[in-house]
Amino acid sequence: MAQNPNVIGVAVMQRLKETGASATPENYERLYYDISGEQRPETEAVPTPSDEPRRDAAFYADLVAALREMLQEVSDKTANLAQNLGEKNHSLATDVSTLRSSRDKQEILRLLSSVVMQASGIQSVVESSHKELQETRSALSSMQEELAETRQMLNEDALTGALNRRGMDQTLAREVVRAQRSGSRMSLAMADLDHFKRINDTYGHEAGDRMLMHFANLIRSVLRGSDALVRYGGEEFALILPDTDERGALLVLGRLQQLMKGAPMQFEGREINTTFSAGIACLGSDENGHSLLRRADEALYAAKHGGRDQIKIARQAVV
């Protein structure tokens, strides 16, 4: 008989909790096949970036199904509890009513015994249901924590800890809406390390990775808590700057330039110096995030082709 995928999903989440493993799509898929006993496909295509949204959508669909199953169990348990208590309460009320009018000693003793049994039964049902509901609440709380961790993991770049493209889409859309509703200024800067390939070619890819982490940390040091850092791709980073006009964005990137010059990266006893180019765009009144990003990228392109190690400001958005 076919197994219920929802039941398997609940079991998978419980296993993840017990083992302390993160609720990533890969871990979820592996445990799903282990628990269900179903045959995993022998050959699987290597996932491409375009496959990731579908894979993650399927992952979250399974989690939603598992949550629905757990919530249905809670609903069933509370319904059964209400029914059991209702039946026992009715029997108890009947015995108490009879006890009040009875004058026969044996009948009174029988009724007292019945009342004690009914009360004990009610206590047992309540304690059992309370324990089950506590366990379910604990499982739901654990699942909530795992989902929060997984969501953060899916939105972050593994190397630098900055937001990835997925995280940027969410953050940028939110900040654009907020800026337009409040009428506040907002800027987006695109920064790209100059001659990054030379670092990889000269010192190796480990040095290249270290430079990306070094650059990301320097950027963080000039950002506010409300700002957001994105690894847009390769050696290119985006800075989302709420409540910031072009002048404010220029000040941020100017400080970053000074830091880059005064804090070269240390690698295997050597200092590695580099610069960056950047483009800035300030949000137009009716502009969306895609247009803002495009204009900042065009300004970055102009900085690169203008000699590098410079900052360019994008033309105003055409409404």
C-alpha atoms as a PDB file:
ATOM      1  CA  MET A   1       0.000   0.000   0.000  1.00  0.00           C
ATOM      2  CA  ALA A   2       1.307   3.459  -0.917  1.00  0.00           C
ATOM      3  CA  GLN A   3       2.624   5.472   1.982  1.00  0.00           C
ATOM      4  CA  ASN A   4       1.201   8.856   2.862  1.00  0.00           C
ATOM      5  CA  PRO A   5       3.774  11.512   1.822  1.00  0.00           C
ATOM      6  CA  ASN A   6       2.545  13.796   4.617  1.00  0.00           C
ATOM      7  CA  VAL A   7       3.257  11.150   7.246  1.00  0.00           C
ATOM      8  CA  ILE A   8       6.705  10.584   5.751  1.00  0.00           C
ATOM      9  CA  GLY A   9       7.319  14.349   5.768  1.00  0.00           C
ATOM     10  CA  VAL A  10       6.536  14.540   9.501  1.00  0.00           C
ATOM     11  CA  ALA A  11       8.884  11.614  10.146  1.00  0.00           C
ATOM     12  CA  VAL A  12      11.634  13.309   8.127  1.00  0.00           C
ATOM     13  CA  MET A  13      11.361  16.532  10.129  1.00  0.00           C
ATOM     14  CA  GLN A  14      11.453  14.550  13.373  1.00  0.00           C
ATOM     15  CA  ARG A  15      14.588  12.708  12.197  1.00  0.00           C
ATOM     16  CA  LEU A  16      16.243  16.007  11.246  1.00  0.00           C
ATOM     17  CA  LYS A  17      15.489  17.308  14.730  1.00  0.00           C
ATOM     18  CA  GLU A  18      16.892  14.186  16.409  1.00  0.00           C
ATOM     19  CA  THR A  19      20.112  14.184  14.380  1.00  0.00           C
ATOM     20  CA  GLY A  20      20.620  17.938  14.510  1.00  0.00           C
ATOM     21  CA  ALA A  21      20.898  18.113  10.717  1.00  0.00           C
ATOM     22  CA  SER A  22      19.808  21.270   8.894  1.00  0.00           C
ATOM     23  CA  ALA A  23      16.543  21.121   6.971  1.00  0.00           C
ATOM     24  CA  THR A  24      18.132  21.664   3.590  1.00  0.00           C
ATOM     25  CA  PRO A  25      16.528  20.285   0.430  1.00  0.00           C
ATOM     26  CA  GLU A  26      19.389  17.783   0.097  1.00  0.00           C
ATOM     27  CA  ASN A  27      19.023  16.432   3.668  1.00  0.00           C
ATOM     28  CA  TYR A  28      15.249  16.338   3.362  1.00  0.00           C
ATOM     29  CA  GLU A  29      15.408  14.397   0.073  1.00  0.00           C
ATOM     30  CA  ARG A  30      17.955  11.900   1.424  1.00  0.00           C
ATOM     31  CA  LEU A  31      15.928  11.125   4.571  1.00  0.00           C
ATOM     32  CA  TYR A  32      12.685  11.001   2.601  1.00  0.00           C
ATOM     33  CA  TYR A  33      14.004   8.118   0.502  1.00  0.00           C
ATOM     34  CA  ASP A  34      15.581   6.427   3.539  1.00  0.00           C
ATOM     35  CA  ILE A  35      12.353   6.478   5.550  1.00  0.00           C
ATOM     36  CA  SER A  36       9.926   5.750   2.722  1.00  0.00           C
ATOM     37  CA  GLY A  37      12.034   2.945   1.292  1.00  0.00           C
ATOM     38  CA  GLU A  38      11.320   4.219  -2.196  1.00  0.00           C
ATOM     39  CA  GLN A  39      13.969   3.765  -4.872  1.00  0.00           C
ATOM     40  CA  ARG A  40      16.023   6.879  -5.420  1.00  0.00           C
ATOM     41  CA  PRO A  41      16.632   7.595  -9.126  1.00  0.00           C
ATOM     42  CA  GLU A  42      20.016   6.110 -10.065  1.00  0.00           C
ATOM     43  CA  THR A  43      21.040   8.988 -12.305  1.00  0.00           C
ATOM     44  CA  GLU A  44      20.203  12.551 -11.499  1.00  0.00           C
ATOM     45  CA  ALA A  45      21.143  15.592 -13.508  1.00  0.00           C
ATOM     46  CA  VAL A  46      23.421  18.023 -11.733  1.00  0.00           C
ATOM     47  CA  PRO A  47      21.142  20.887 -10.636  1.00  0.00           C
ATOM     48  CA  THR A  48      21.675  24.128 -12.507  1.00  0.00           C
ATOM     49  CA  PRO A  49      20.769  27.601 -11.176  1.00  0.00           C
ATOM     50  CA  SER A  50      17.530  27.419 -13.154  1.00  0.00           C
ATOM     51  CA  ASP A  51      16.661  24.138 -11.396  1.00  0.00           C
ATOM     52  CA  GLU A  52      17.081  25.575  -7.895  1.00  0.00           C
ATOM     53  CA  PRO A  53      13.742  27.438  -7.683  1.00  0.00           C
ATOM     54  CA  ARG A  54      11.879  24.274  -8.723  1.00  0.00           C
ATOM     55  CA  ARG A  55      13.809  22.132  -6.263  1.00  0.00           C
ATOM     56  CA  ASP A  56      13.270  24.602  -3.419  1.00  0.00           C
ATOM     57  CA  ALA A  57       9.589  24.948  -4.328  1.00  0.00           C
ATOM     58  CA  ALA A  58       9.179  21.177  -4.087  1.00  0.00           C
ATOM     59  CA  PHE A  59      11.059  21.190  -0.782  1.00  0.00           C
ATOM     60  CA  TYR A  60       8.786  23.810   0.736  1.00  0.00           C
ATOM     61  CA  ALA A  61       5.708  22.083  -0.700  1.00  0.00           C
ATOM     62  CA  ASP A  62       6.714  18.967   1.230  1.00  0.00           C
ATOM     63  CA  LEU A  63       7.220  21.007   4.385  1.00  0.00           C
ATOM     64  CA  VAL A  64       3.832  22.668   4.000  1.00  0.00           C
ATOM     65  CA  ALA A  65       2.260  19.223   3.561  1.00  0.00           C
ATOM     66  CA  ALA A  66       4.004  18.032   6.722  1.00  0.00           C
ATOM     67  CA  LEU A  67       2.776  21.081   8.622  1.00  0.00           C
ATOM     68  CA  ARG A  68      -0.766  20.497   7.427  1.00  0.00           C
ATOM     69  CA  GLU A  69      -0.561  16.893   8.595  1.00  0.00           C
ATOM     70  CA  MET A  70       0.643  17.962  12.025  1.00  0.00           C
ATOM     71  CA  LEU A  71      -2.029  20.634  12.330  1.00  0.00           C
ATOM     72  CA  GLN A  72      -4.666  18.110  11.300  1.00  0.00           C
ATOM     73  CA  GLU A  73      -3.418  15.823  14.056  1.00  0.00           C
ATOM     74  CA  VAL A  74      -3.761  18.671  16.556  1.00  0.00           C
ATOM     75  CA  SER A  75      -7.285  19.336  15.312  1.00  0.00           C
ATOM     76  CA  ASP A  76      -8.197  15.644  15.588  1.00  0.00           C
ATOM     77  CA  LYS A  77      -6.717  15.369  19.065  1.00  0.00           C
ATOM     78  CA  THR A  78      -8.580  18.413  20.369  1.00  0.00           C
ATOM     79  CA  ALA A  79     -11.814  17.198  18.758  1.00  0.00           C
ATOM     80  CA  ASN A  80     -11.414  13.775  20.360  1.00  0.00           C
ATOM     81  CA  LEU A  81     -10.574  15.413  23.664  1.00  0.00           C
ATOM     82  CA  ALA A  82     -13.708  17.534  23.512  1.00  0.00           C
ATOM     83  CA  GLN A  83     -15.829  14.478  22.645  1.00  0.00           C
ATOM     84  CA  ASN A  84     -14.336  12.302  25.388  1.00  0.00           C
ATOM     85  CA  LEU A  85     -14.675  15.014  27.990  1.00  0.00           C
ATOM     86  CA  GLY A  86     -18.228  15.706  26.864  1.00  0.00           C
ATOM     87  CA  GLU A  87     -19.228  12.048  27.216  1.00  0.00           C
ATOM     88  CA  LYS A  88     -17.501  11.618  30.569  1.00  0.00           C
ATOM     89  CA  ASN A  89     -18.896  14.896  31.856  1.00  0.00           C
ATOM     90  CA  HIS A  90     -22.405  13.806  30.864  1.00  0.00           C
ATOM     91  CA  SER A  91     -22.003  10.491  32.698  1.00  0.00           C
ATOM     92  CA  LEU A  92     -20.536  12.270  35.706  1.00  0.00           C
ATOM     93  CA  ALA A  93     -23.375  14.791  35.821  1.00  0.00           C
ATOM     94  CA  THR A  94     -25.921  11.936  35.612  1.00  0.00           C
ATOM     95  CA  ASP A  95     -24.282  10.081  38.499  1.00  0.00           C
ATOM     96  CA  VAL A  96     -24.076  13.242  40.619  1.00  0.00           C
ATOM     97  CA  SER A  97     -27.745  14.029  39.931  1.00  0.00           C
ATOM     98  CA  THR A  98     -28.774  10.481  40.886  1.00  0.00           C
ATOM     99  CA  LEU A  99     -26.542  10.605  43.953  1.00  0.00           C
ATOM    100  CA  ARG A 100     -28.351  13.690  45.247  1.00  0.00           C
ATOM    101  CA  SER A 101     -31.745  11.956  45.230  1.00  0.00           C
ATOM    102  CA  SER A 102     -30.630   8.486  46.321  1.00  0.00           C
ATOM    103  CA  ARG A 103     -31.289   7.228  49.854  1.00  0.00           C
ATOM    104  CA  ASP A 104     -30.069   3.654  49.432  1.00  0.00           C
ATOM    105  CA  LYS A 105     -26.669   3.008  51.015  1.00  0.00           C
ATOM    106  CA  GLN A 106     -25.518   0.497  48.402  1.00  0.00           C
ATOM    107  CA  GLU A 107     -26.681   2.719  45.582  1.00  0.00           C
ATOM    108  CA  ILE A 108     -24.837   5.682  47.094  1.00  0.00           C
ATOM    109  CA  LEU A 109     -21.629   3.654  47.362  1.00  0.00           C
ATOM    110  CA  ARG A 110     -22.004   2.480  43.768  1.00  0.00           C
ATOM    111  CA  LEU A 111     -22.574   6.023  42.559  1.00  0.00           C
ATOM    112  CA  LEU A 112     -19.606   7.345  44.539  1.00  0.00           C
ATOM    113  CA  SER A 113     -17.404   4.674  42.999  1.00  0.00           C
ATOM    114  CA  SER A 114     -18.689   5.627  39.548  1.00  0.00           C
ATOM    115  CA  VAL A 115     -18.052   9.316  40.185  1.00  0.00           C
ATOM    116  CA  VAL A 116     -14.481   8.590  41.290  1.00  0.00           C
ATOM    117  CA  MET A 117     -13.923   6.466  38.181  1.00  0.00           C
ATOM    118  CA  GLN A 118     -15.365   9.125  35.891  1.00  0.00           C
ATOM    119  CA  ALA A 119     -13.217  11.816  37.510  1.00  0.00           C
ATOM    120  CA  SER A 120     -10.143   9.605  37.185  1.00  0.00           C
ATOM    121  CA  GLY A 121     -10.994   8.953  33.550  1.00  0.00           C
ATOM    122  CA  ILE A 122     -11.299  12.672  32.855  1.00  0.00           C
ATOM    123  CA  GLN A 123      -7.942  13.269  34.511  1.00  0.00           C
ATOM    124  CA  SER A 124      -6.335  10.503  32.430  1.00  0.00           C
ATOM    125  CA  VAL A 125      -7.774  11.851  29.154  1.00  0.00           C
ATOM    126  CA  VAL A 126      -6.633  15.389  29.962  1.00  0.00           C
ATOM    127  CA  GLU A 127      -3.113  14.291  30.960  1.00  0.00           C
ATOM    128  CA  SER A 128      -2.729  12.071  27.881  1.00  0.00           C
ATOM    129  CA  SER A 129      -3.974  14.780  25.531  1.00  0.00           C
ATOM    130  CA  HIS A 130      -1.839  17.395  27.255  1.00  0.00           C
ATOM    131  CA  LYS A 131       1.288  15.274  26.729  1.00  0.00           C
ATOM    132  CA  GLU A 132       0.454  14.635  23.077  1.00  0.00           C
ATOM    133  CA  LEU A 133      -0.250  18.301  22.418  1.00  0.00           C
ATOM    134  CA  GLN A 134       2.973  19.296  24.181  1.00  0.00           C
ATOM    135  CA  GLU A 135       4.923  16.915  21.936  1.00  0.00           C
ATOM    136  CA  THR A 136       3.213  18.320  18.851  1.00  0.00           C
ATOM    137  CA  ARG A 137       3.910  21.880  19.938  1.00  0.00           C
ATOM    138  CA  SER A 138       7.566  20.990  20.490  1.00  0.00           C
ATOM    139  CA  ALA A 139       7.765  19.425  17.014  1.00  0.00           C
ATOM    140  CA  LEU A 140       6.151  22.490  15.422  1.00  0.00           C
ATOM    141  CA  SER A 141       8.512  24.804  17.301  1.00  0.00           C
ATOM    142  CA  SER A 142      11.495  22.777  16.127  1.00  0.00           C
ATOM    143  CA  MET A 143      10.208  22.855  12.550  1.00  0.00           C
ATOM    144  CA  GLN A 144       9.773  26.635  12.778  1.00  0.00           C
ATOM    145  CA  GLU A 145      13.392  27.017  13.887  1.00  0.00           C
ATOM    146  CA  GLU A 146      14.624  24.723  11.116  1.00  0.00           C
ATOM    147  CA  LEU A 147      12.631  26.646   8.517  1.00  0.00           C
ATOM    148  CA  ALA A 148      14.069  29.935   9.738  1.00  0.00           C
ATOM    149  CA  GLU A 149      17.608  28.536   9.531  1.00  0.00           C
ATOM    150  CA  THR A 150      16.956  27.017   6.117  1.00  0.00           C
ATOM    151  CA  ARG A 151      15.440  30.226   4.783  1.00  0.00           C
ATOM    152  CA  GLN A 152      18.491  32.157   5.951  1.00  0.00           C
ATOM    153  CA  MET A 153      20.806  29.548   4.423  1.00  0.00           C
ATOM    154  CA  LEU A 154      18.988  29.658   1.089  1.00  0.00           C
ATOM    155  CA  ASN A 155      19.269  33.451   1.004  1.00  0.00           C
ATOM    156  CA  GLU A 156      22.967  33.702   1.868  1.00  0.00           C
ATOM    157  CA  ASP A 157      26.164  33.288  -0.111  1.00  0.00           C
ATOM    158  CA  ALA A 158      28.093  30.404   1.445  1.00  0.00           C
ATOM    159  CA  LEU A 159      31.535  31.990   1.040  1.00  0.00           C
ATOM    160  CA  THR A 160      31.028  35.577   2.209  1.00  0.00           C
ATOM    161  CA  GLY A 161      27.838  35.396   4.268  1.00  0.00           C
ATOM    162  CA  ALA A 162      26.354  38.202   2.178  1.00  0.00           C
ATOM    163  CA  LEU A 163      22.905  37.867   0.659  1.00  0.00           C
ATOM    164  CA  ASN A 164      22.760  35.949  -2.598  1.00  0.00           C
ATOM    165  CA  ARG A 165      20.629  36.837  -5.635  1.00  0.00           C
ATOM    166  CA  ARG A 166      17.558  35.233  -4.073  1.00  0.00           C
ATOM    167  CA  GLY A 167      18.021  37.192  -0.861  1.00  0.00           C
ATOM    168  CA  MET A 168      18.651  40.382  -2.826  1.00  0.00           C
ATOM    169  CA  ASP A 169      15.396  40.044  -4.760  1.00  0.00           C
ATOM    170  CA  GLN A 170      13.399  39.894  -1.535  1.00  0.00           C
ATOM    171  CA  THR A 171      15.302  42.658   0.244  1.00  0.00           C
ATOM    172  CA  LEU A 172      15.412  45.015  -2.719  1.00  0.00           C
ATOM    173  CA  ALA A 173      11.697  44.621  -3.443  1.00  0.00           C
ATOM    174  CA  ARG A 174      10.864  45.319   0.205  1.00  0.00           C
ATOM    175  CA  GLU A 175      13.065  48.403   0.439  1.00  0.00           C
ATOM    176  CA  VAL A 176      11.790  49.845  -2.842  1.00  0.00           C
ATOM    177  CA  VAL A 177       8.186  49.546  -1.646  1.00  0.00           C
ATOM    178  CA  ARG A 178       9.081  51.068   1.725  1.00  0.00           C
ATOM    179  CA  ALA A 179      10.931  54.000   0.157  1.00  0.00           C
ATOM    180  CA  GLN A 180       8.105  54.770  -2.261  1.00  0.00           C
ATOM    181  CA  ARG A 181       5.442  54.565   0.438  1.00  0.00           C
ATOM    182  CA  SER A 182       7.328  56.836   2.822  1.00  0.00           C
ATOM    183  CA  GLY A 183       8.723  59.136   0.145  1.00  0.00           C
ATOM    184  CA  SER A 184      12.258  58.556   1.416  1.00  0.00           C
ATOM    185  CA  ARG A 185      15.430  58.304  -0.652  1.00  0.00           C
ATOM    186  CA  MET A 186      17.128  55.012  -1.438  1.00  0.00           C
ATOM    187  CA  SER A 187      20.318  54.171  -3.295  1.00  0.00           C
ATOM    188  CA  LEU A 188      21.834  51.040  -4.762  1.00  0.00           C
ATOM    189  CA  ALA A 189      25.569  50.678  -5.386  1.00  0.00           C
ATOM    190  CA  MET A 190      27.283  48.003  -7.455  1.00  0.00           C
ATOM    191  CA  ALA A 191      30.956  47.400  -6.582  1.00  0.00           C
ATOM    192  CA  ASP A 192      33.313  45.133  -8.509  1.00  0.00           C
ATOM    193  CA  LEU A 193      36.907  44.211  -7.627  1.00  0.00           C
ATOM    194  CA  ASP A 194      39.387  45.365 -10.253  1.00  0.00           C
ATOM    195  CA  HIS A 195      41.644  42.804 -11.966  1.00  0.00           C
ATOM    196  CA  PHE A 196      40.349  40.016  -9.758  1.00  0.00           C
ATOM    197  CA  LYS A 197      41.483  37.383 -12.252  1.00  0.00           C
ATOM    198  CA  ARG A 198      45.066  38.433 -11.684  1.00  0.00           C
ATOM    199  CA  ILE A 199      44.785  37.505  -8.020  1.00  0.00           C
ATOM    200  CA  ASN A 200      43.541  34.028  -8.895  1.00  0.00           C
ATOM    201  CA  ASP A 201      46.200  33.593 -11.572  1.00  0.00           C
ATOM    202  CA  THR A 202      49.056  34.916  -9.430  1.00  0.00           C
ATOM    203  CA  TYR A 203      48.266  33.592  -5.961  1.00  0.00           C
ATOM    204  CA  GLY A 204      45.717  30.838  -6.555  1.00  0.00           C
ATOM    205  CA  HIS A 205      41.987  30.455  -6.036  1.00  0.00           C
ATOM    206  CA  GLU A 206      42.325  30.234  -2.264  1.00  0.00           C
ATOM    207  CA  ALA A 207      43.733  33.749  -2.288  1.00  0.00           C
ATOM    208  CA  GLY A 208      40.856  34.789  -4.552  1.00  0.00           C
ATOM    209  CA  ASP A 209      38.316  33.428  -2.080  1.00  0.00           C
ATOM    210  CA  ARG A 210      40.107  35.134   0.779  1.00  0.00           C
ATOM    211  CA  MET A 211      40.011  38.423  -1.125  1.00  0.00           C
ATOM    212  CA  LEU A 212      36.246  38.099  -1.632  1.00  0.00           C
ATOM    213  CA  MET A 213      35.780  37.530   2.105  1.00  0.00           C
ATOM    214  CA  HIS A 214      38.164  40.406   2.896  1.00  0.00           C
ATOM    215  CA  PHE A 215      36.279  42.747   0.566  1.00  0.00           C
ATOM    216  CA  ALA A 216      32.901  41.701   2.014  1.00  0.00           C
ATOM    217  CA  ASN A 217      34.135  42.361   5.565  1.00  0.00           C
ATOM    218  CA  LEU A 218      35.459  45.795   4.607  1.00  0.00           C
ATOM    219  CA  ILE A 219      32.112  46.657   3.024  1.00  0.00           C
ATOM    220  CA  ARG A 220      30.263  45.577   6.173  1.00  0.00           C
ATOM    221  CA  SER A 221      32.436  47.890   8.240  1.00  0.00           C
ATOM    222  CA  VAL A 222      31.081  50.955   6.392  1.00  0.00           C
ATOM    223  CA  LEU A 223      27.430  49.867   6.334  1.00  0.00           C
ATOM    224  CA  ARG A 224      24.692  50.624   8.838  1.00  0.00           C
ATOM    225  CA  GLY A 225      22.459  48.004  10.403  1.00  0.00           C
ATOM    226  CA  SER A 226      19.652  48.927   8.008  1.00  0.00           C
ATOM    227  CA  ASP A 227      21.830  48.465   4.908  1.00  0.00           C
ATOM    228  CA  ALA A 228      22.236  45.160   3.081  1.00  0.00           C
ATOM    229  CA  LEU A 229      25.185  43.556   1.338  1.00  0.00           C
ATOM    230  CA  VAL A 230      24.693  41.223  -1.620  1.00  0.00           C
ATOM    231  CA  ARG A 231      27.158  39.049  -3.479  1.00  0.00           C
ATOM    232  CA  TYR A 232      25.683  39.630  -6.899  1.00  0.00           C
ATOM    233  CA  GLY A 233      28.001  37.253  -8.693  1.00  0.00           C
ATOM    234  CA  GLY A 234      31.709  36.458  -8.914  1.00  0.00           C
ATOM    235  CA  GLU A 235      33.593  39.463  -7.552  1.00  0.00           C
ATOM    236  CA  GLU A 236      30.623  41.839  -7.894  1.00  0.00           C
ATOM    237  CA  PHE A 237      28.709  43.063  -4.842  1.00  0.00           C
ATOM    238  CA  ALA A 238      25.577  45.157  -4.411  1.00  0.00           C
ATOM    239  CA  LEU A 239      24.961  47.551  -1.527  1.00  0.00           C
ATOM    240  CA  ILE A 240      21.319  48.317  -0.743  1.00  0.00           C
ATOM    241  CA  LEU A 241      21.235  51.654   1.084  1.00  0.00           C
ATOM    242  CA  PRO A 242      17.834  52.740   2.469  1.00  0.00           C
ATOM    243  CA  ASP A 243      17.304  56.397   3.433  1.00  0.00           C
ATOM    244  CA  THR A 244      20.363  57.357   1.406  1.00  0.00           C
ATOM    245  CA  ASP A 245      20.725  59.772  -1.501  1.00  0.00           C
ATOM    246  CA  GLU A 246      23.550  59.870  -4.084  1.00  0.00           C
ATOM    247  CA  ARG A 247      25.756  62.015  -1.858  1.00  0.00           C
ATOM    248  CA  GLY A 248      25.344  59.601   1.058  1.00  0.00           C
ATOM    249  CA  ALA A 249      26.154  56.637  -1.167  1.00  0.00           C
ATOM    250  CA  LEU A 250      29.281  58.425  -2.433  1.00  0.00           C
ATOM    251  CA  LEU A 251      30.424  58.947   1.160  1.00  0.00           C
ATOM    252  CA  VAL A 252      29.963  55.236   1.927  1.00  0.00           C
ATOM    253  CA  LEU A 253      31.978  54.145  -1.108  1.00  0.00           C
ATOM    254  CA  GLY A 254      34.590  56.824  -0.469  1.00  0.00           C
ATOM    255  CA  ARG A 255      35.183  55.416   3.014  1.00  0.00           C
ATOM    256  CA  LEU A 256      35.417  51.956   1.477  1.00  0.00           C
ATOM    257  CA  GLN A 257      38.078  53.178  -0.979  1.00  0.00           C
ATOM    258  CA  GLN A 258      40.155  54.533   1.891  1.00  0.00           C
ATOM    259  CA  LEU A 259      39.849  51.257   3.777  1.00  0.00           C
ATOM    260  CA  MET A 260      40.904  49.255   0.730  1.00  0.00           C
ATOM    261  CA  LYS A 261      44.054  51.353   0.376  1.00  0.00           C
ATOM    262  CA  GLY A 262      44.938  51.190   4.057  1.00  0.00           C
ATOM    263  CA  ALA A 263      44.064  47.551   4.740  1.00  0.00           C
ATOM    264  CA  PRO A 264      45.565  45.217   2.139  1.00  0.00           C
ATOM    265  CA  MET A 265      44.774  41.542   2.479  1.00  0.00           C
ATOM    266  CA  GLN A 266      47.335  39.410   4.279  1.00  0.00           C
ATOM    267  CA  PHE A 267      47.961  36.078   2.581  1.00  0.00           C
ATOM    268  CA  GLU A 268      50.750  33.653   3.429  1.00  0.00           C
ATOM    269  CA  GLY A 269      52.965  36.428   4.706  1.00  0.00           C
ATOM    270  CA  ARG A 270      52.305  38.713   1.749  1.00  0.00           C
ATOM    271  CA  GLU A 271      50.163  41.792   1.256  1.00  0.00           C
ATOM    272  CA  ILE A 272      47.767  41.787  -1.675  1.00  0.00           C
ATOM    273  CA  ASN A 273      46.459  45.162  -2.753  1.00  0.00           C
ATOM    274  CA  THR A 274      43.583  45.775  -5.113  1.00  0.00           C
ATOM    275  CA  THR A 275      40.970  48.397  -5.926  1.00  0.00           C
ATOM    276  CA  PHE A 276      37.321  48.359  -6.919  1.00  0.00           C
ATOM    277  CA  SER A 277      35.051  50.163  -9.333  1.00  0.00           C
ATOM    278  CA  ALA A 278      31.498  51.141  -8.456  1.00  0.00           C
ATOM    279  CA  GLY A 279      28.266  52.532  -9.851  1.00  0.00           C
ATOM    280  CA  ILE A 280      25.524  54.299  -7.897  1.00  0.00           C
ATOM    281  CA  ALA A 281      21.853  54.760  -8.714  1.00  0.00           C
ATOM    282  CA  CYS A 282      19.266  56.609  -6.628  1.00  0.00           C
ATOM    283  CA  LEU A 283      15.683  55.319  -6.741  1.00  0.00           C
ATOM    284  CA  GLY A 284      13.283  57.305  -8.935  1.00  0.00           C
ATOM    285  CA  SER A 285       9.770  58.090  -7.742  1.00  0.00           C
ATOM    286  CA  ASP A 286       8.064  55.454  -9.934  1.00  0.00           C
ATOM    287  CA  GLU A 287      11.048  53.168 -10.472  1.00  0.00           C
ATOM    288  CA  ASN A 288      11.165  49.456  -9.644  1.00  0.00           C
ATOM    289  CA  GLY A 289      14.054  47.411  -8.286  1.00  0.00           C
ATOM    290  CA  HIS A 290      14.944  45.910 -11.659  1.00  0.00           C
ATOM    291  CA  SER A 291      15.356  49.333 -13.274  1.00  0.00           C
ATOM    292  CA  LEU A 292      17.356  50.628 -10.302  1.00  0.00           C
ATOM    293  CA  LEU A 293      19.689  47.642 -10.486  1.00  0.00           C
ATOM    294  CA  ARG A 294      20.136  48.062 -14.234  1.00  0.00           C
ATOM    295  CA  ARG A 295      21.095  51.730 -13.903  1.00  0.00           C
ATOM    296  CA  ALA A 296      23.595  50.995 -11.108  1.00  0.00           C
ATOM    297  CA  ASP A 297      25.127  48.253 -13.244  1.00  0.00           C
ATOM    298  CA  GLU A 298      25.411  50.607 -16.217  1.00  0.00           C
ATOM    299  CA  ALA A 299      27.215  53.124 -13.997  1.00  0.00           C
ATOM    300  CA  LEU A 300      29.576  50.359 -12.851  1.00  0.00           C
ATOM    301  CA  TYR A 301      30.247  49.480 -16.487  1.00  0.00           C
ATOM    302  CA  ALA A 302      31.130  53.114 -17.150  1.00  0.00           C
ATOM    303  CA  ALA A 303      33.525  53.113 -14.167  1.00  0.00           C
ATOM    304  CA  LYS A 304      35.224  49.957 -15.422  1.00  0.00           C
ATOM    305  CA  HIS A 305      35.670  51.307 -18.920  1.00  0.00           C
ATOM    306  CA  GLY A 306      36.686  54.713 -17.647  1.00  0.00           C
ATOM    307  CA  GLY A 307      39.893  53.374 -16.122  1.00  0.00           C
ATOM    308  CA  ARG A 308      38.747  51.426 -13.016  1.00  0.00           C
ATOM    309  CA  ASP A 309      39.277  52.448  -9.373  1.00  0.00           C
ATOM    310  CA  GLN A 310      36.509  55.042  -9.650  1.00  0.00           C
ATOM    311  CA  ILE A 311      32.871  55.629  -8.792  1.00  0.00           C
ATOM    312  CA  LYS A 312      30.244  56.694 -11.287  1.00  0.00           C
ATOM    313  CA  ILE A 313      26.712  57.938 -10.672  1.00  0.00           C
ATOM    314  CA  ALA A 314      23.936  56.692 -12.950  1.00  0.00           C
ATOM    315  CA  ARG A 315      21.742  58.998 -14.953  1.00  0.00           C
ATOM    316  CA  GLN A 316      18.398  59.799 -13.362  1.00  0.00           C
ATOM    317  CA  ALA A 317      15.581  57.369 -14.055  1.00  0.00           C
ATOM    318  CA  VAL A 318      13.333  58.336 -16.942  1.00  0.00           C
ATOM    319  CA  VAL A 319       9.713  58.275 -15.792  1.00  0.00           C
END
